[in-house]
């Protein structure tokens, strides 16, 4: 992807903080653009992604910039806003943004901001790849998982109108596992030929898919860490590494087995910049 980002924001303090974070993460940030006119002028620099505030200097808004992008630039964009009411959300959603970013995250939670940006960028790359002719593969990357709250054998007793199969967006999934010890934490008696996945809001769902069925179908930020578990590196509940061979996710420690250690660190380093310049070999 083109790693040049246009930030359209009328608050110079928010722009400066975003510029600082994005530059540290390896992006090139275009000059300050507090108005529609300045944003349009910078489109000639061909940014790869735009981050748009809704309220700008002058008569036009971030909605107008989004419409210009949809018509003339054809690049992904995100809305940067403090507005959480339904009116702003629905109006912005109709314009087709990749994501919404809360301004408070820019100022107070840069790691959360980073995950949101990386998810949006990765989704855009996958959409581009999917539209480009290529050799036959196992199928398109999954957009979500379908899960059960009951085992298939128990669904015969489901009441009229009861949901038996749930559609869960892939970005909400923290991890997928066949670990029976983990299942006990959810008071779940995990049966043979089933796995289950856990979401960021604490829900868990059964699936009759094996981890092997999912290999090659999940986005790249889903990484196998051992024979029983696949984790989402960009989950908001992923805290980080413990001594290179363990991770903490949602206050639970997962072990990375030797078989998957090298692959894990390759993927981890793609999304999170190492704290030093020395490249260490994973043993």
Foldseek 3Di string as FASTA:
>chain_A
DQQEEEEAAADVVLVVLVCVLSVVVPGHYDDYHQDLVSSVVCCVVVGQEYEFEADGPDDHGSLVNLVCCVVPRVHAYEYEYQDDDPVVVVSVVVSPHLYYHYSVCSVPPSLLVLLSVVVSVLVVVLVVVVPDDDDDDPDRADQWDKFAPDDPVPCVPDDPPDDGIDTGGPLFWFKKWPDCVVCVVVVHRRDPQKIKIAGPVGDIGIDSDAVVNNPPRHRLQFFDQDRTMTGRNSHPQWDADDPQQWTAGVNDIDGRDPVRSQVVVVSNCVRDPDPDDDDDDDD
